[in-house]
Amino acid sequence: MGCLISPVMKLRRLSSADSRRFAYRNLTNEDMEDSVIRVVVGKEKKEFMVEPYVLQETPFRILVGLAKARTKSRFNQTGRVVWLDHVDSILFEHLLWLLHNDASTFSDMDVVEIVDFYAQDC
């Protein structure tokens, strides 16, 4: 029964009006800054615009490290594009959500195991 407490608390937090300020959203041209990095994820090449600190967090550092280990990491001339072809876009979006909403479990994840799990469908 104790395991049900956490999901109920998360649902309440997500349904509250305060959760909107923690949510991420699609960026428009007006939102674009010089500090934003474009991350192209998965076979469908879904694009995410993230601030540099996001890629320095542990799970994302591991994902970028895996990309370098599997293929040559591709960057454009300015170094503002990161390609993560081997990462499922749903996984990447889930990690972004965790970063912004549930940081307590974010650092405890076994990212390599999660990537392998998501890769089973490919």
PDB file of N, CA and C in Angstrom:
ATOM      1  N   MET A   1       0.807  -1.198   0.000  1.00  0.00           N
ATOM      2  CA  MET A   1       0.000   0.000   0.000  1.00  0.00           C
ATOM      3  C   MET A   1       0.849   1.259   0.000  1.00  0.00           C
ATOM      4  N   GLY A   2       2.034   1.210   0.589  1.00  0.00           N
ATOM      5  CA  GLY A   2       2.893   2.383   0.649  1.00  0.00           C
ATOM      6  C   GLY A   2       3.317   2.870  -0.715  1.00  0.00           C
ATOM      7  N   CYS A   3       3.407   1.965  -1.704  1.00  0.00           N
ATOM      8  CA  CYS A   3       3.853   2.377  -3.031  1.00  0.00           C
ATOM      9  C   CYS A   3       2.800   3.213  -3.753  1.00  0.00           C
ATOM     10  N   LEU A   4       1.548   3.169  -3.311  1.00  0.00           N
ATOM     11  CA  LEU A   4       0.511   3.965  -3.957  1.00  0.00           C
ATOM     12  C   LEU A   4       0.552   5.431  -3.559  1.00  0.00           C
ATOM     13  N   ILE A   5       1.212   5.750  -2.484  1.00  0.00           N
ATOM     14  CA  ILE A   5       1.254   7.131  -2.009  1.00  0.00           C
ATOM     15  C   ILE A   5       1.972   8.030  -3.004  1.00  0.00           C
ATOM     16  N   SER A   6       3.098   7.592  -3.506  1.00  0.00           N
ATOM     17  CA  SER A   6       3.892   8.411  -4.413  1.00  0.00           C
ATOM     18  C   SER A   6       3.144   8.747  -5.700  1.00  0.00           C
ATOM     19  N   PRO A   7       2.555   7.762  -6.406  1.00  0.00           N
ATOM     20  CA  PRO A   7       1.818   8.138  -7.616  1.00  0.00           C
ATOM     21  C   PRO A   7       0.661   9.091  -7.353  1.00  0.00           C
ATOM     22  N   VAL A   8      -0.055   8.921  -6.243  1.00  0.00           N
ATOM     23  CA  VAL A   8      -1.159   9.827  -5.924  1.00  0.00           C
ATOM     24  C   VAL A   8      -0.631  11.235  -5.710  1.00  0.00           C
ATOM     25  N   MET A   9       0.488  11.355  -5.007  1.00  0.00           N
ATOM     26  CA  MET A   9       1.084  12.670  -4.784  1.00  0.00           C
ATOM     27  C   MET A   9       1.517  13.284  -6.108  1.00  0.00           C
ATOM     28  N   LYS A  10       2.074  12.480  -7.006  1.00  0.00           N
ATOM     29  CA  LYS A  10       2.495  13.005  -8.303  1.00  0.00           C
ATOM     30  C   LYS A  10       1.297  13.486  -9.107  1.00  0.00           C
ATOM     31  N   LEU A  11       0.210  12.728  -9.085  1.00  0.00           N
ATOM     32  CA  LEU A  11      -0.972  13.148  -9.826  1.00  0.00           C
ATOM     33  C   LEU A  11      -1.527  14.457  -9.297  1.00  0.00           C
ATOM     34  N   ARG A  12      -1.534  14.607  -7.998  1.00  0.00           N
ATOM     35  CA  ARG A  12      -2.008  15.867  -7.421  1.00  0.00           C
ATOM     36  C   ARG A  12      -1.113  17.018  -7.847  1.00  0.00           C
ATOM     37  N   ARG A  13       0.177  16.791  -7.780  1.00  0.00           N
ATOM     38  CA  ARG A  13       1.104  17.857  -8.133  1.00  0.00           C
ATOM     39  C   ARG A  13       0.964  18.226  -9.605  1.00  0.00           C
ATOM     40  N   LEU A  14       0.799  17.252 -10.456  1.00  0.00           N
ATOM     41  CA  LEU A  14       0.669  17.535 -11.875  1.00  0.00           C
ATOM     42  C   LEU A  14      -0.652  18.213 -12.209  1.00  0.00           C
ATOM     43  N   SER A  15      -1.690  17.919 -11.445  1.00  0.00           N
ATOM     44  CA  SER A  15      -2.984  18.513 -11.747  1.00  0.00           C
ATOM     45  C   SER A  15      -3.148  19.909 -11.161  1.00  0.00           C
ATOM     46  N   SER A  16      -2.225  20.322 -10.312  1.00  0.00           N
ATOM     47  CA  SER A  16      -2.338  21.652  -9.720  1.00  0.00           C
ATOM     48  C   SER A  16      -1.907  22.726 -10.707  1.00  0.00           C
ATOM     49  N   ALA A  17      -2.331  23.938 -10.465  1.00  0.00           N
ATOM     50  CA  ALA A  17      -1.981  25.063 -11.348  1.00  0.00           C
ATOM     51  C   ALA A  17      -0.493  25.369 -11.301  1.00  0.00           C
ATOM     52  N   ASP A  18       0.167  25.052 -10.174  1.00  0.00           N
ATOM     53  CA  ASP A  18       1.596  25.333 -10.053  1.00  0.00           C
ATOM     54  C   ASP A  18       2.440  24.480 -10.980  1.00  0.00           C
ATOM     55  N   SER A  19       1.927  23.342 -11.430  1.00  0.00           N
ATOM     56  CA  SER A  19       2.730  22.451 -12.261  1.00  0.00           C
ATOM     57  C   SER A  19       3.038  23.064 -13.616  1.00  0.00           C
ATOM     58  N   ARG A  20       2.241  24.039 -14.059  1.00  0.00           N
ATOM     59  CA  ARG A  20       2.478  24.651 -15.364  1.00  0.00           C
ATOM     60  C   ARG A  20       3.815  25.375 -15.423  1.00  0.00           C
ATOM     61  N   ARG A  21       4.251  25.903 -14.324  1.00  0.00           N
ATOM     62  CA  ARG A  21       5.513  26.647 -14.362  1.00  0.00           C
ATOM     63  C   ARG A  21       6.708  25.707 -14.464  1.00  0.00           C
ATOM     64  N   PHE A  22       6.533  24.403 -14.147  1.00  0.00           N
ATOM     65  CA  PHE A  22       7.620  23.438 -14.263  1.00  0.00           C
ATOM     66  C   PHE A  22       7.593  22.690 -15.592  1.00  0.00           C
ATOM     67  N   ALA A  23       6.522  22.823 -16.347  1.00  0.00           N
ATOM     68  CA  ALA A  23       6.377  22.067 -17.585  1.00  0.00           C
ATOM     69  C   ALA A  23       7.291  22.634 -18.660  1.00  0.00           C
ATOM     70  N   TYR A  24       7.715  21.765 -19.563  1.00  0.00           N
ATOM     71  CA  TYR A  24       8.462  22.243 -20.715  1.00  0.00           C
ATOM     72  C   TYR A  24       7.488  22.334 -21.879  1.00  0.00           C
ATOM     73  N   ARG A  25       7.837  23.102 -22.883  1.00  0.00           N
ATOM     74  CA  ARG A  25       6.941  23.316 -24.010  1.00  0.00           C
ATOM     75  C   ARG A  25       7.763  23.477 -25.275  1.00  0.00           C
ATOM     76  N   ASN A  26       7.104  23.439 -26.420  1.00  0.00           N
ATOM     77  CA  ASN A  26       7.782  23.675 -27.683  1.00  0.00           C
ATOM     78  C   ASN A  26       8.221  25.132 -27.746  1.00  0.00           C
ATOM     79  N   LEU A  27       9.412  25.357 -28.252  1.00  0.00           N
ATOM     80  CA  LEU A  27       9.922  26.718 -28.370  1.00  0.00           C
ATOM     81  C   LEU A  27       9.495  27.331 -29.695  1.00  0.00           C
ATOM     82  N   THR A  28       9.218  28.607 -29.660  1.00  0.00           N
ATOM     83  CA  THR A  28       8.945  29.353 -30.878  1.00  0.00           C
ATOM     84  C   THR A  28      10.217  30.095 -31.268  1.00  0.00           C
ATOM     85  N   ASN A  29      10.198  30.743 -32.415  1.00  0.00           N
ATOM     86  CA  ASN A  29      11.372  31.501 -32.850  1.00  0.00           C
ATOM     87  C   ASN A  29      11.721  32.612 -31.872  1.00  0.00           C
ATOM     88  N   GLU A  30      10.706  33.186 -31.219  1.00  0.00           N
ATOM     89  CA  GLU A  30      10.966  34.254 -30.255  1.00  0.00           C
ATOM     90  C   GLU A  30      11.693  33.726 -29.014  1.00  0.00           C
ATOM     91  N   ASP A  31      11.478  32.439 -28.702  1.00  0.00           N
ATOM     92  CA  ASP A  31      12.099  31.844 -27.521  1.00  0.00           C
ATOM     93  C   ASP A  31      13.563  31.467 -27.746  1.00  0.00           C
ATOM     94  N   MET A  32      13.965  31.390 -29.000  1.00  0.00           N
ATOM     95  CA  MET A  32      15.310  30.901 -29.304  1.00  0.00           C
ATOM     96  C   MET A  32      16.372  31.856 -28.762  1.00  0.00           C
ATOM     97  N   GLU A  33      17.350  31.274 -28.118  1.00  0.00           N
ATOM     98  CA  GLU A  33      18.471  32.039 -27.590  1.00  0.00           C
ATOM     99  C   GLU A  33      19.753  31.439 -28.143  1.00  0.00           C
ATOM    100  N   ASP A  34      20.845  32.163 -28.009  1.00  0.00           N
ATOM    101  CA  ASP A  34      22.133  31.639 -28.439  1.00  0.00           C
ATOM    102  C   ASP A  34      22.578  30.467 -27.579  1.00  0.00           C
ATOM    103  N   SER A  35      22.079  30.393 -26.359  1.00  0.00           N
ATOM    104  CA  SER A  35      22.529  29.353 -25.446  1.00  0.00           C
ATOM    105  C   SER A  35      21.783  28.035 -25.622  1.00  0.00           C
ATOM    106  N   VAL A  36      20.790  27.979 -26.504  1.00  0.00           N
ATOM    107  CA  VAL A  36      19.994  26.767 -26.682  1.00  0.00           C
ATOM    108  C   VAL A  36      20.712  25.801 -27.620  1.00  0.00           C
ATOM    109  N   ILE A  37      20.670  24.515 -27.260  1.00  0.00           N
ATOM    110  CA  ILE A  37      21.268  23.465 -28.085  1.00  0.00           C
ATOM    111  C   ILE A  37      20.139  22.630 -28.674  1.00  0.00           C
ATOM    112  N   ARG A  38      20.237  22.349 -29.958  1.00  0.00           N
ATOM    113  CA  ARG A  38      19.236  21.509 -30.621  1.00  0.00           C
ATOM    114  C   ARG A  38      19.689  20.060 -30.515  1.00  0.00           C
ATOM    115  N   VAL A  39      18.811  19.197 -30.011  1.00  0.00           N
ATOM    116  CA  VAL A  39      19.104  17.773 -29.881  1.00  0.00           C
ATOM    117  C   VAL A  39      18.151  17.031 -30.808  1.00  0.00           C
ATOM    118  N   VAL A  40      18.713  16.268 -31.754  1.00  0.00           N
ATOM    119  CA  VAL A  40      17.926  15.487 -32.703  1.00  0.00           C
ATOM    120  C   VAL A  40      17.943  14.048 -32.209  1.00  0.00           C
ATOM    121  N   VAL A  41      16.748  13.496 -31.952  1.00  0.00           N
ATOM    122  CA  VAL A  41      16.643  12.224 -31.247  1.00  0.00           C
ATOM    123  C   VAL A  41      15.877  11.196 -32.070  1.00  0.00           C
ATOM    124  N   GLY A  42      16.388   9.972 -32.079  1.00  0.00           N
ATOM    125  CA  GLY A  42      15.686   8.818 -32.627  1.00  0.00           C
ATOM    126  C   GLY A  42      15.674   8.740 -34.136  1.00  0.00           C
ATOM    127  N   LYS A  43      15.079   7.638 -34.604  1.00  0.00           N
ATOM    128  CA  LYS A  43      14.977   7.406 -36.048  1.00  0.00           C
ATOM    129  C   LYS A  43      14.074   8.432 -36.720  1.00  0.00           C
ATOM    130  N   GLU A  44      13.077   8.912 -35.965  1.00  0.00           N
ATOM    131  CA  GLU A  44      12.153   9.895 -36.531  1.00  0.00           C
ATOM    132  C   GLU A  44      12.720  11.310 -36.502  1.00  0.00           C
ATOM    133  N   LYS A  45      13.914  11.468 -35.945  1.00  0.00           N
ATOM    134  CA  LYS A  45      14.630  12.748 -35.904  1.00  0.00           C
ATOM    135  C   LYS A  45      13.793  13.864 -35.264  1.00  0.00           C
ATOM    136  N   LYS A  46      13.219  13.552 -34.116  1.00  0.00           N
ATOM    137  CA  LYS A  46      12.456  14.551 -33.371  1.00  0.00           C
ATOM    138  C   LYS A  46      13.436  15.533 -32.739  1.00  0.00           C
ATOM    139  N   GLU A  47      13.142  16.813 -32.840  1.00  0.00           N
ATOM    140  CA  GLU A  47      14.053  17.845 -32.355  1.00  0.00           C
ATOM    141  C   GLU A  47      13.593  18.398 -31.012  1.00  0.00           C
ATOM    142  N   PHE A  48      14.564  18.554 -30.122  1.00  0.00           N
ATOM    143  CA  PHE A  48      14.335  19.169 -28.821  1.00  0.00           C
ATOM    144  C   PHE A  48      15.322  20.318 -28.679  1.00  0.00           C
ATOM    145  N   MET A  49      14.858  21.425 -28.130  1.00  0.00           N
ATOM    146  CA  MET A  49      15.726  22.556 -27.836  1.00  0.00           C
ATOM    147  C   MET A  49      15.932  22.590 -26.331  1.00  0.00           C
ATOM    148  N   VAL A  50      17.173  22.434 -25.901  1.00  0.00           N
ATOM    149  CA  VAL A  50      17.453  22.380 -24.466  1.00  0.00           C
ATOM    150  C   VAL A  50      18.564  23.358 -24.126  1.00  0.00           C
ATOM    151  N   GLU A  51      18.587  23.744 -22.876  1.00  0.00           N
ATOM    152  CA  GLU A  51      19.680  24.579 -22.398  1.00  0.00           C
ATOM    153  C   GLU A  51      20.892  23.681 -22.158  1.00  0.00           C
ATOM    154  N   PRO A  52      22.104  24.222 -22.238  1.00  0.00           N
ATOM    155  CA  PRO A  52      23.311  23.401 -22.089  1.00  0.00           C
ATOM    156  C   PRO A  52      23.382  22.614 -20.783  1.00  0.00           C
ATOM    157  N   TYR A  53      22.838  23.148 -19.689  1.00  0.00           N
ATOM    158  CA  TYR A  53      22.931  22.430 -18.414  1.00  0.00           C
ATOM    159  C   TYR A  53      22.214  21.084 -18.466  1.00  0.00           C
ATOM    160  N   VAL A  54      21.193  20.961 -19.326  1.00  0.00           N
ATOM    161  CA  VAL A  54      20.448  19.701 -19.420  1.00  0.00           C
ATOM    162  C   VAL A  54      21.373  18.575 -19.859  1.00  0.00           C
ATOM    163  N   LEU A  55      22.219  18.838 -20.848  1.00  0.00           N
ATOM    164  CA  LEU A  55      23.120  17.800 -21.353  1.00  0.00           C
ATOM    165  C   LEU A  55      24.260  17.502 -20.393  1.00  0.00           C
ATOM    166  N   GLN A  56      24.430  18.317 -19.360  1.00  0.00           N
ATOM    167  CA  GLN A  56      25.468  18.070 -18.366  1.00  0.00           C
ATOM    168  C   GLN A  56      24.959  17.245 -17.192  1.00  0.00           C
ATOM    169  N   GLU A  57      23.651  17.021 -17.101  1.00  0.00           N
ATOM    170  CA  GLU A  57      23.089  16.175 -16.054  1.00  0.00           C
ATOM    171  C   GLU A  57      23.459  14.721 -16.341  1.00  0.00           C
ATOM    172  N   THR A  58      23.583  13.922 -15.288  1.00  0.00           N
ATOM    173  CA  THR A  58      24.106  12.562 -15.402  1.00  0.00           C
ATOM    174  C   THR A  58      23.431  11.702 -16.474  1.00  0.00           C
ATOM    175  N   PRO A  59      22.116  11.528 -16.495  1.00  0.00           N
ATOM    176  CA  PRO A  59      21.548  10.649 -17.526  1.00  0.00           C
ATOM    177  C   PRO A  59      21.820  11.129 -18.945  1.00  0.00           C
ATOM    178  N   PHE A  60      21.790  12.428 -19.163  1.00  0.00           N
ATOM    179  CA  PHE A  60      22.027  12.948 -20.501  1.00  0.00           C
ATOM    180  C   PHE A  60      23.499  12.846 -20.891  1.00  0.00           C
ATOM    181  N   ARG A  61      24.402  13.018 -19.930  1.00  0.00           N
ATOM    182  CA  ARG A  61      25.831  12.818 -20.216  1.00  0.00           C
ATOM    183  C   ARG A  61      26.082  11.388 -20.662  1.00  0.00           C
ATOM    184  N   ILE A  62      25.406  10.441 -20.016  1.00  0.00           N
ATOM    185  CA  ILE A  62      25.567   9.036 -20.389  1.00  0.00           C
ATOM    186  C   ILE A  62      25.025   8.793 -21.792  1.00  0.00           C
ATOM    187  N   LEU A  63      23.876   9.384 -22.127  1.00  0.00           N
ATOM    188  CA  LEU A  63      23.317   9.228 -23.470  1.00  0.00           C
ATOM    189  C   LEU A  63      24.257   9.776 -24.535  1.00  0.00           C
ATOM    190  N   VAL A  64      24.830  10.948 -24.285  1.00  0.00           N
ATOM    191  CA  VAL A  64      25.775  11.535 -25.237  1.00  0.00           C
ATOM    192  C   VAL A  64      27.026  10.665 -25.322  1.00  0.00           C
ATOM    193  N   GLY A  65      27.483  10.128 -24.188  1.00  0.00           N
ATOM    194  CA  GLY A  65      28.633   9.226 -24.182  1.00  0.00           C
ATOM    195  C   GLY A  65      28.373   7.965 -24.978  1.00  0.00           C
ATOM    196  N   LEU A  66      27.162   7.414 -24.869  1.00  0.00           N
ATOM    197  CA  LEU A  66      26.799   6.237 -25.655  1.00  0.00           C
ATOM    198  C   LEU A  66      26.778   6.563 -27.142  1.00  0.00           C
ATOM    199  N   ALA A  67      26.323   7.760 -27.480  1.00  0.00           N
ATOM    200  CA  ALA A  67      26.298   8.170 -28.884  1.00  0.00           C
ATOM    201  C   ALA A  67      27.709   8.242 -29.441  1.00  0.00           C
ATOM    202  N   LYS A  68      28.637   8.760 -28.648  1.00  0.00           N
ATOM    203  CA  LYS A  68      30.023   8.844 -29.101  1.00  0.00           C
ATOM    204  C   LYS A  68      30.644   7.462 -29.220  1.00  0.00           C
ATOM    205  N   ALA A  69      30.258   6.541 -28.330  1.00  0.00           N
ATOM    206  CA  ALA A  69      30.811   5.195 -28.364  1.00  0.00           C
ATOM    207  C   ALA A  69      30.285   4.399 -29.560  1.00  0.00           C
ATOM    208  N   ARG A  70      29.027   4.592 -29.924  1.00  0.00           N
ATOM    209  CA  ARG A  70      28.422   3.813 -31.008  1.00  0.00           C
ATOM    210  C   ARG A  70      28.748   4.374 -32.382  1.00  0.00           C
ATOM    211  N   THR A  71      28.747   5.660 -32.509  1.00  0.00           N
ATOM    212  CA  THR A  71      29.040   6.306 -33.788  1.00  0.00           C
ATOM    213  C   THR A  71      29.837   7.562 -33.503  1.00  0.00           C
ATOM    214  N   LYS A  72      30.355   8.137 -34.550  1.00  0.00           N
ATOM    215  CA  LYS A  72      31.005   9.431 -34.369  1.00  0.00           C
ATOM    216  C   LYS A  72      29.921  10.455 -34.076  1.00  0.00           C
ATOM    217  N   SER A  73      30.096  11.173 -32.998  1.00  0.00           N
ATOM    218  CA  SER A  73      29.111  12.175 -32.608  1.00  0.00           C
ATOM    219  C   SER A  73      29.101  13.288 -33.647  1.00  0.00           C
ATOM    220  N   ARG A  74      27.917  13.666 -34.077  1.00  0.00           N
ATOM    221  CA  ARG A  74      27.804  14.678 -35.124  1.00  0.00           C
ATOM    222  C   ARG A  74      27.385  16.011 -34.533  1.00  0.00           C
ATOM    223  N   PHE A  75      28.110  17.047 -34.858  1.00  0.00           N
ATOM    224  CA  PHE A  75      27.775  18.411 -34.451  1.00  0.00           C
ATOM    225  C   PHE A  75      27.846  19.287 -35.689  1.00  0.00           C
ATOM    226  N   ASN A  76      27.071  20.365 -35.699  1.00  0.00           N
ATOM    227  CA  ASN A  76      27.212  21.297 -36.807  1.00  0.00           C
ATOM    228  C   ASN A  76      28.400  22.221 -36.547  1.00  0.00           C
ATOM    229  N   GLN A  77      28.638  23.175 -37.432  1.00  0.00           N
ATOM    230  CA  GLN A  77      29.818  24.037 -37.315  1.00  0.00           C
ATOM    231  C   GLN A  77      29.872  24.792 -35.994  1.00  0.00           C
ATOM    232  N   THR A  78      28.746  25.200 -35.476  1.00  0.00           N
ATOM    233  CA  THR A  78      28.753  25.978 -34.238  1.00  0.00           C
ATOM    234  C   THR A  78      28.723  25.088 -33.004  1.00  0.00           C
ATOM    235  N   GLY A  79      28.571  23.774 -33.193  1.00  0.00           N
ATOM    236  CA  GLY A  79      28.512  22.865 -32.053  1.00  0.00           C
ATOM    237  C   GLY A  79      27.202  22.946 -31.296  1.00  0.00           C
ATOM    238  N   ARG A  80      26.137  23.414 -31.932  1.00  0.00           N
ATOM    239  CA  ARG A  80      24.857  23.621 -31.257  1.00  0.00           C
ATOM    240  C   ARG A  80      23.839  22.537 -31.602  1.00  0.00           C
ATOM    241  N   VAL A  81      24.260  21.464 -32.267  1.00  0.00           N
ATOM    242  CA  VAL A  81      23.359  20.359 -32.588  1.00  0.00           C
ATOM    243  C   VAL A  81      23.986  19.066 -32.101  1.00  0.00           C
ATOM    244  N   VAL A  82      23.206  18.267 -31.375  1.00  0.00           N
ATOM    245  CA  VAL A  82      23.655  16.958 -30.917  1.00  0.00           C
ATOM    246  C   VAL A  82      22.704  15.926 -31.505  1.00  0.00           C
ATOM    247  N   TRP A  83      23.260  14.877 -32.132  1.00  0.00           N
ATOM    248  CA  TRP A  83      22.460  13.813 -32.728  1.00  0.00           C
ATOM    249  C   TRP A  83      22.503  12.596 -31.815  1.00  0.00           C
ATOM    250  N   LEU A  84      21.334  12.127 -31.395  1.00  0.00           N
ATOM    251  CA  LEU A  84      21.229  10.916 -30.583  1.00  0.00           C
ATOM    252  C   LEU A  84      20.323   9.932 -31.329  1.00  0.00           C
ATOM    253  N   ASP A  85      20.853   9.375 -32.425  1.00  0.00           N
ATOM    254  CA  ASP A  85      20.070   8.481 -33.278  1.00  0.00           C
ATOM    255  C   ASP A  85      19.626   7.215 -32.557  1.00  0.00           C
ATOM    256  N   HIS A  86      20.434   6.740 -31.627  1.00  0.00           N
ATOM    257  CA  HIS A  86      20.162   5.462 -30.962  1.00  0.00           C
ATOM    258  C   HIS A  86      19.181   5.589 -29.800  1.00  0.00           C
ATOM    259  N   VAL A  87      18.773   6.803 -29.471  1.00  0.00           N
ATOM    260  CA  VAL A  87      17.902   7.037 -28.315  1.00  0.00           C
ATOM    261  C   VAL A  87      16.467   7.227 -28.796  1.00  0.00           C
ATOM    262  N   ASP A  88      15.538   6.537 -28.160  1.00  0.00           N
ATOM    263  CA  ASP A  88      14.127   6.681 -28.480  1.00  0.00           C
ATOM    264  C   ASP A  88      13.655   8.070 -28.050  1.00  0.00           C
ATOM    265  N   SER A  89      12.869   8.731 -28.891  1.00  0.00           N
ATOM    266  CA  SER A  89      12.423  10.090 -28.565  1.00  0.00           C
ATOM    267  C   SER A  89      11.510  10.115 -27.341  1.00  0.00           C
ATOM    268  N   ILE A  90      10.744   9.054 -27.138  1.00  0.00           N
ATOM    269  CA  ILE A  90       9.883   8.994 -25.952  1.00  0.00           C
ATOM    270  C   ILE A  90      10.726   8.904 -24.689  1.00  0.00           C
ATOM    271  N   LEU A  91      11.807   8.130 -24.753  1.00  0.00           N
ATOM    272  CA  LEU A  91      12.729   8.044 -23.616  1.00  0.00           C
ATOM    273  C   LEU A  91      13.326   9.412 -23.315  1.00  0.00           C
ATOM    274  N   PHE A  92      13.789  10.115 -24.342  1.00  0.00           N
ATOM    275  CA  PHE A  92      14.400  11.425 -24.145  1.00  0.00           C
ATOM    276  C   PHE A  92      13.394  12.396 -23.532  1.00  0.00           C
ATOM    277  N   GLU A  93      12.177  12.370 -24.040  1.00  0.00           N
ATOM    278  CA  GLU A  93      11.141  13.252 -23.504  1.00  0.00           C
ATOM    279  C   GLU A  93      10.813  12.892 -22.054  1.00  0.00           C
ATOM    280  N   HIS A  94      10.796  11.598 -21.754  1.00  0.00           N
ATOM    281  CA  HIS A  94      10.549  11.155 -20.382  1.00  0.00           C
ATOM    282  C   HIS A  94      11.662  11.640 -19.455  1.00  0.00           C
ATOM    283  N   LEU A  95      12.913  11.563 -19.901  1.00  0.00           N
ATOM    284  CA  LEU A  95      14.027  12.053 -19.090  1.00  0.00           C
ATOM    285  C   LEU A  95      13.924  13.557 -18.857  1.00  0.00           C
ATOM    286  N   LEU A  96      13.496  14.303 -19.873  1.00  0.00           N
ATOM    287  CA  LEU A  96      13.286  15.744 -19.689  1.00  0.00           C
ATOM    288  C   LEU A  96      12.212  15.999 -18.647  1.00  0.00           C
ATOM    289  N   TRP A  97      11.140  15.220 -18.727  1.00  0.00           N
ATOM    290  CA  TRP A  97      10.064  15.382 -17.751  1.00  0.00           C
ATOM    291  C   TRP A  97      10.569  15.087 -16.345  1.00  0.00           C
ATOM    292  N   LEU A  98      11.328  13.999 -16.197  1.00  0.00           N
ATOM    293  CA  LEU A  98      11.871  13.656 -14.880  1.00  0.00           C
ATOM    294  C   LEU A  98      12.791  14.749 -14.351  1.00  0.00           C
ATOM    295  N   LEU A  99      13.602  15.309 -15.222  1.00  0.00           N
ATOM    296  CA  LEU A  99      14.522  16.368 -14.811  1.00  0.00           C
ATOM    297  C   LEU A  99      13.766  17.547 -14.216  1.00  0.00           C
ATOM    298  N   HIS A 100      12.642  17.893 -14.821  1.00  0.00           N
ATOM    299  CA  HIS A 100      11.897  19.069 -14.382  1.00  0.00           C
ATOM    300  C   HIS A 100      10.859  18.787 -13.306  1.00  0.00           C
ATOM    301  N   ASN A 101      10.467  17.527 -13.122  1.00  0.00           N
ATOM    302  CA  ASN A 101       9.366  17.238 -12.205  1.00  0.00           C
ATOM    303  C   ASN A 101       9.704  16.294 -11.063  1.00  0.00           C
ATOM    304  N   ASP A 102      10.681  15.428 -11.225  1.00  0.00           N
ATOM    305  CA  ASP A 102      10.948  14.416 -10.206  1.00  0.00           C
ATOM    306  C   ASP A 102      12.451  14.205 -10.078  1.00  0.00           C
ATOM    307  N   ALA A 103      13.152  15.238  -9.678  1.00  0.00           N
ATOM    308  CA  ALA A 103      14.612  15.192  -9.610  1.00  0.00           C
ATOM    309  C   ALA A 103      15.131  14.188  -8.591  1.00  0.00           C
ATOM    310  N   SER A 104      14.304  13.773  -7.637  1.00  0.00           N
ATOM    311  CA  SER A 104      14.770  12.847  -6.600  1.00  0.00           C
ATOM    312  C   SER A 104      15.154  11.491  -7.174  1.00  0.00           C
ATOM    313  N   THR A 105      14.432  10.991  -8.168  1.00  0.00           N
ATOM    314  CA  THR A 105      14.763   9.694  -8.763  1.00  0.00           C
ATOM    315  C   THR A 105      15.669   9.837  -9.972  1.00  0.00           C
ATOM    316  N   PHE A 106      15.885  11.049 -10.420  1.00  0.00           N
ATOM    317  CA  PHE A 106      16.635  11.289 -11.645  1.00  0.00           C
ATOM    318  C   PHE A 106      18.069  10.785 -11.561  1.00  0.00           C
ATOM    319  N   SER A 107      18.737  10.996 -10.440  1.00  0.00           N
ATOM    320  CA  SER A 107      20.144  10.613 -10.325  1.00  0.00           C
ATOM    321  C   SER A 107      20.330   9.139 -10.007  1.00  0.00           C
ATOM    322  N   ASP A 108      19.261   8.430  -9.634  1.00  0.00           N
ATOM    323  CA  ASP A 108      19.367   7.020  -9.261  1.00  0.00           C
ATOM    324  C   ASP A 108      19.147   6.066 -10.425  1.00  0.00           C
ATOM    325  N   MET A 109      18.899   6.561 -11.613  1.00  0.00           N
ATOM    326  CA  MET A 109      18.542   5.701 -12.732  1.00  0.00           C
ATOM    327  C   MET A 109      19.750   5.001 -13.329  1.00  0.00           C
ATOM    328  N   ASP A 110      19.523   3.776 -13.813  1.00  0.00           N
ATOM    329  CA  ASP A 110      20.525   3.050 -14.581  1.00  0.00           C
ATOM    330  C   ASP A 110      20.218   3.317 -16.054  1.00  0.00           C
ATOM    331  N   VAL A 111      20.829   4.344 -16.601  1.00  0.00           N
ATOM    332  CA  VAL A 111      20.483   4.835 -17.929  1.00  0.00           C
ATOM    333  C   VAL A 111      20.784   3.808 -19.008  1.00  0.00           C
ATOM    334  N   VAL A 112      21.897   3.097 -18.899  1.00  0.00           N
ATOM    335  CA  VAL A 112      22.263   2.107 -19.914  1.00  0.00           C
ATOM    336  C   VAL A 112      21.193   1.018 -19.990  1.00  0.00           C
ATOM    337  N   GLU A 113      20.715   0.569 -18.847  1.00  0.00           N
ATOM    338  CA  GLU A 113      19.671  -0.458 -18.816  1.00  0.00           C
ATOM    339  C   GLU A 113      18.377   0.064 -19.429  1.00  0.00           C
ATOM    340  N   ILE A 114      18.038   1.310 -19.153  1.00  0.00           N
ATOM    341  CA  ILE A 114      16.817   1.903 -19.703  1.00  0.00           C
ATOM    342  C   ILE A 114      16.930   2.057 -21.217  1.00  0.00           C
ATOM    343  N   VAL A 115      18.086   2.497 -21.718  1.00  0.00           N
ATOM    344  CA  VAL A 115      18.293   2.635 -23.163  1.00  0.00           C
ATOM    345  C   VAL A 115      18.164   1.274 -23.835  1.00  0.00           C
ATOM    346  N   ASP A 116      18.752   0.238 -23.245  1.00  0.00           N
ATOM    347  CA  ASP A 116      18.644  -1.110 -23.805  1.00  0.00           C
ATOM    348  C   ASP A 116      17.195  -1.578 -23.841  1.00  0.00           C
ATOM    349  N   PHE A 117      16.426  -1.256 -22.800  1.00  0.00           N
ATOM    350  CA  PHE A 117      15.015  -1.632 -22.756  1.00  0.00           C
ATOM    351  C   PHE A 117      14.242  -0.959 -23.888  1.00  0.00           C
ATOM    352  N   TYR A 118      14.446   0.342 -24.073  1.00  0.00           N
ATOM    353  CA  TYR A 118      13.747   1.064 -25.135  1.00  0.00           C
ATOM    354  C   TYR A 118      14.202   0.605 -26.514  1.00  0.00           C
ATOM    355  N   ALA A 119      15.438   0.156 -26.645  1.00  0.00           N
ATOM    356  CA  ALA A 119      15.981  -0.272 -27.936  1.00  0.00           C
ATOM    357  C   ALA A 119      15.430  -1.624 -28.373  1.00  0.00           C
ATOM    358  N   GLN A 120      14.792  -2.374 -27.490  1.00  0.00           N
ATOM    359  CA  GLN A 120      14.263  -3.693 -27.836  1.00  0.00           C
ATOM    360  C   GLN A 120      13.178  -3.615 -28.897  1.00  0.00           C
ATOM    361  N   ASP A 121      12.453  -2.509 -28.960  1.00  0.00           N
ATOM    362  CA  ASP A 121      11.389  -2.358 -29.955  1.00  0.00           C
ATOM    363  C   ASP A 121      11.922  -2.044 -31.341  1.00  0.00           C
ATOM    364  N   CYS A 122      13.153  -1.582 -31.428  1.00  0.00           N
ATOM    365  CA  CYS A 122      13.714  -1.155 -32.719  1.00  0.00           C
ATOM    366  C   CYS A 122      13.979  -2.325 -33.636  1.00  0.00           C
TER     367      CYS A 122
END
